[in-house]
Amino acid sequence: MYNYSDLSNEELFKLIANKDIEGINFIYDKYSPAIYTLILKKVSTRQEANDILYDTFVTGFKGLSSSSLSTTIFVYFYRIAISYIKKRNVLYMIHPEYNTQSLSNALKKFS
């Protein structure tokens, strides 16, 4: 078995680029808990955090670019997560009915 924990950031990015499934699993297992914790601090529900975490890693694994290589793996995924959080916040500002708390409160009024 390959020891992924000894790899540099550049080598970890290569695992993503080469679609190395074991390497991708290692990266997800290592970095998703910290990214999830950061997301959870910025959103109102665990479901939103789970959705953003999923979108973050799918985007990160599919959308690797050469500009990504100038950062660390953690920062790469963190920036993607922040981008999704900002998009969600803009969506909620434009369409507050999408906010799960607002929707929940609106439904209570009809009960």
C-alpha atoms as a PDB file:
ATOM      1  CA  MET A   1       0.000   0.000   0.000  1.00  0.00           C
ATOM      2  CA  TYR A   2       1.184   3.470  -0.906  1.00  0.00           C
ATOM      3  CA  ASN A   3       1.858   5.940   1.944  1.00  0.00           C
ATOM      4  CA  TYR A   4      -0.070   9.026   0.805  1.00  0.00           C
ATOM      5  CA  SER A   5       0.586  10.953   4.017  1.00  0.00           C
ATOM      6  CA  ASP A   6       4.223  11.480   2.978  1.00  0.00           C
ATOM      7  CA  LEU A   7       3.320  13.190  -0.300  1.00  0.00           C
ATOM      8  CA  SER A   8       3.856  16.877  -0.998  1.00  0.00           C
ATOM      9  CA  ASN A   9       1.026  19.154  -2.098  1.00  0.00           C
ATOM     10  CA  GLU A  10       2.269  18.956  -5.659  1.00  0.00           C
ATOM     11  CA  GLU A  11       2.149  15.169  -5.538  1.00  0.00           C
ATOM     12  CA  LEU A  12      -1.350  15.263  -4.012  1.00  0.00           C
ATOM     13  CA  PHE A  13      -2.514  17.510  -6.858  1.00  0.00           C
ATOM     14  CA  LYS A  14      -1.052  14.990  -9.296  1.00  0.00           C
ATOM     15  CA  LEU A  15      -3.159  12.263  -7.688  1.00  0.00           C
ATOM     16  CA  ILE A  16      -6.256  14.322  -8.408  1.00  0.00           C
ATOM     17  CA  ALA A  17      -5.140  15.100 -11.952  1.00  0.00           C
ATOM     18  CA  ASN A  18      -4.439  11.407 -12.578  1.00  0.00           C
ATOM     19  CA  LYS A  19      -7.774  10.410 -11.012  1.00  0.00           C
ATOM     20  CA  ASP A  20      -6.040   8.082  -8.550  1.00  0.00           C
ATOM     21  CA  ILE A  21      -9.049   6.729  -6.631  1.00  0.00           C
ATOM     22  CA  GLU A  22      -7.108   5.675  -3.528  1.00  0.00           C
ATOM     23  CA  GLY A  23      -5.324   9.034  -3.493  1.00  0.00           C
ATOM     24  CA  ILE A  24      -8.585  10.928  -3.905  1.00  0.00           C
ATOM     25  CA  ASN A  25     -10.105   8.920  -1.049  1.00  0.00           C
ATOM     26  CA  PHE A  26      -7.080   9.763   1.099  1.00  0.00           C
ATOM     27  CA  ILE A  27      -7.414  13.478   0.308  1.00  0.00           C
ATOM     28  CA  TYR A  28     -11.143  13.437   1.070  1.00  0.00           C
ATOM     29  CA  ASP A  29     -10.680  11.527   4.325  1.00  0.00           C
ATOM     30  CA  LYS A  30      -7.876  13.831   5.441  1.00  0.00           C
ATOM     31  CA  TYR A  31      -9.321  17.227   4.524  1.00  0.00           C
ATOM     32  CA  SER A  32     -13.117  16.904   4.522  1.00  0.00           C
ATOM     33  CA  PRO A  33     -13.561  17.021   8.337  1.00  0.00           C
ATOM     34  CA  ALA A  34     -11.743  20.368   8.622  1.00  0.00           C
ATOM     35  CA  ILE A  35     -13.480  21.823   5.561  1.00  0.00           C
ATOM     36  CA  TYR A  36     -16.842  20.617   6.885  1.00  0.00           C
ATOM     37  CA  THR A  37     -16.211  22.302  10.247  1.00  0.00           C
ATOM     38  CA  LEU A  38     -15.403  25.596   8.520  1.00  0.00           C
ATOM     39  CA  ILE A  39     -18.494  25.349   6.309  1.00  0.00           C
ATOM     40  CA  LEU A  40     -20.710  24.531   9.288  1.00  0.00           C
ATOM     41  CA  LYS A  41     -19.591  27.747  10.991  1.00  0.00           C
ATOM     42  CA  LYS A  42     -20.836  29.751   7.991  1.00  0.00           C
ATOM     43  CA  VAL A  43     -24.196  28.124   7.246  1.00  0.00           C
ATOM     44  CA  SER A  44     -27.318  27.559   9.305  1.00  0.00           C
ATOM     45  CA  THR A  45     -27.941  23.818   8.899  1.00  0.00           C
ATOM     46  CA  ARG A  46     -26.012  20.571   8.689  1.00  0.00           C
ATOM     47  CA  GLN A  47     -27.837  19.740   5.454  1.00  0.00           C
ATOM     48  CA  GLU A  48     -26.497  22.925   3.844  1.00  0.00           C
ATOM     49  CA  ALA A  49     -23.019  22.098   5.124  1.00  0.00           C
ATOM     50  CA  ASN A  50     -23.250  18.560   3.722  1.00  0.00           C
ATOM     51  CA  ASP A  51     -24.429  19.875   0.343  1.00  0.00           C
ATOM     52  CA  ILE A  52     -21.639  22.438   0.161  1.00  0.00           C
ATOM     53  CA  LEU A  53     -19.032  19.883   1.249  1.00  0.00           C
ATOM     54  CA  TYR A  54     -20.187  17.499  -1.482  1.00  0.00           C
ATOM     55  CA  ASP A  55     -20.159  20.244  -4.138  1.00  0.00           C
ATOM     56  CA  THR A  56     -16.759  21.438  -2.934  1.00  0.00           C
ATOM     57  CA  PHE A  57     -15.040  18.103  -3.336  1.00  0.00           C
ATOM     58  CA  VAL A  58     -16.767  17.185  -6.599  1.00  0.00           C
ATOM     59  CA  THR A  59     -15.731  20.543  -8.057  1.00  0.00           C
ATOM     60  CA  GLY A  60     -12.236  20.229  -6.647  1.00  0.00           C
ATOM     61  CA  PHE A  61     -11.704  16.764  -8.043  1.00  0.00           C
ATOM     62  CA  LYS A  62     -13.145  17.642 -11.454  1.00  0.00           C
ATOM     63  CA  GLY A  63     -11.894  21.185 -11.899  1.00  0.00           C
ATOM     64  CA  LEU A  64      -8.211  21.032 -11.093  1.00  0.00           C
ATOM     65  CA  SER A  65      -6.313  23.728 -12.992  1.00  0.00           C
ATOM     66  CA  SER A  66      -2.654  24.622 -13.229  1.00  0.00           C
ATOM     67  CA  SER A  67      -3.278  27.774 -11.149  1.00  0.00           C
ATOM     68  CA  SER A  68      -4.341  25.509  -8.269  1.00  0.00           C
ATOM     69  CA  LEU A  69      -0.844  24.138  -7.973  1.00  0.00           C
ATOM     70  CA  SER A  70       0.435  27.345  -6.356  1.00  0.00           C
ATOM     71  CA  THR A  71      -1.447  26.658  -3.125  1.00  0.00           C
ATOM     72  CA  THR A  72      -1.934  23.838  -0.648  1.00  0.00           C
ATOM     73  CA  ILE A  73      -4.597  21.147  -0.976  1.00  0.00           C
ATOM     74  CA  PHE A  74      -6.403  22.496   2.086  1.00  0.00           C
ATOM     75  CA  VAL A  75      -6.506  26.065   0.760  1.00  0.00           C
ATOM     76  CA  TYR A  76      -7.608  24.801  -2.665  1.00  0.00           C
ATOM     77  CA  PHE A  77     -10.688  23.087  -1.202  1.00  0.00           C
ATOM     78  CA  TYR A  78     -11.308  25.869   1.323  1.00  0.00           C
ATOM     79  CA  ARG A  79     -11.510  28.463  -1.482  1.00  0.00           C
ATOM     80  CA  ILE A  80     -13.982  26.313  -3.381  1.00  0.00           C
ATOM     81  CA  ALA A  81     -16.111  25.932  -0.241  1.00  0.00           C
ATOM     82  CA  ILE A  82     -16.081  29.687   0.388  1.00  0.00           C
ATOM     83  CA  SER A  83     -17.156  30.249  -3.205  1.00  0.00           C
ATOM     84  CA  TYR A  84     -20.159  27.960  -2.703  1.00  0.00           C
ATOM     85  CA  ILE A  85     -21.031  29.660   0.586  1.00  0.00           C
ATOM     86  CA  LYS A  86     -20.941  33.087  -1.088  1.00  0.00           C
ATOM     87  CA  LYS A  87     -23.142  31.842  -3.943  1.00  0.00           C
ATOM     88  CA  ARG A  88     -25.602  30.451  -1.412  1.00  0.00           C
ATOM     89  CA  ASN A  89     -25.672  33.743   0.487  1.00  0.00           C
ATOM     90  CA  VAL A  90     -26.339  35.721  -2.693  1.00  0.00           C
ATOM     91  CA  LEU A  91     -29.101  33.291  -3.676  1.00  0.00           C
ATOM     92  CA  TYR A  92     -30.723  33.732  -0.260  1.00  0.00           C
ATOM     93  CA  MET A  93     -30.495  37.513  -0.537  1.00  0.00           C
ATOM     94  CA  ILE A  94     -32.201  37.456  -3.934  1.00  0.00           C
ATOM     95  CA  HIS A  95     -34.648  34.624  -3.115  1.00  0.00           C
ATOM     96  CA  PRO A  96     -35.145  34.464   0.656  1.00  0.00           C
ATOM     97  CA  GLU A  97     -37.677  31.654   0.219  1.00  0.00           C
ATOM     98  CA  TYR A  98     -34.723  29.340  -0.473  1.00  0.00           C
ATOM     99  CA  ASN A  99     -33.370  29.910   3.013  1.00  0.00           C
ATOM    100  CA  THR A 100     -34.391  26.830   4.964  1.00  0.00           C
ATOM    101  CA  GLN A 101     -34.962  28.782   8.159  1.00  0.00           C
ATOM    102  CA  SER A 102     -37.110  31.373   6.372  1.00  0.00           C
ATOM    103  CA  LEU A 103     -39.056  28.610   4.650  1.00  0.00           C
ATOM    104  CA  SER A 104     -39.560  26.811   7.942  1.00  0.00           C
ATOM    105  CA  ASN A 105     -40.832  30.001   9.571  1.00  0.00           C
ATOM    106  CA  ALA A 106     -43.150  30.650   6.628  1.00  0.00           C
ATOM    107  CA  LEU A 107     -44.614  27.150   6.914  1.00  0.00           C
ATOM    108  CA  LYS A 108     -45.259  27.644  10.631  1.00  0.00           C
ATOM    109  CA  LYS A 109     -47.489  30.611   9.785  1.00  0.00           C
ATOM    110  CA  PHE A 110     -49.780  28.304   7.814  1.00  0.00           C
ATOM    111  CA  SER A 111     -50.035  25.708  10.594  1.00  0.00           C
END
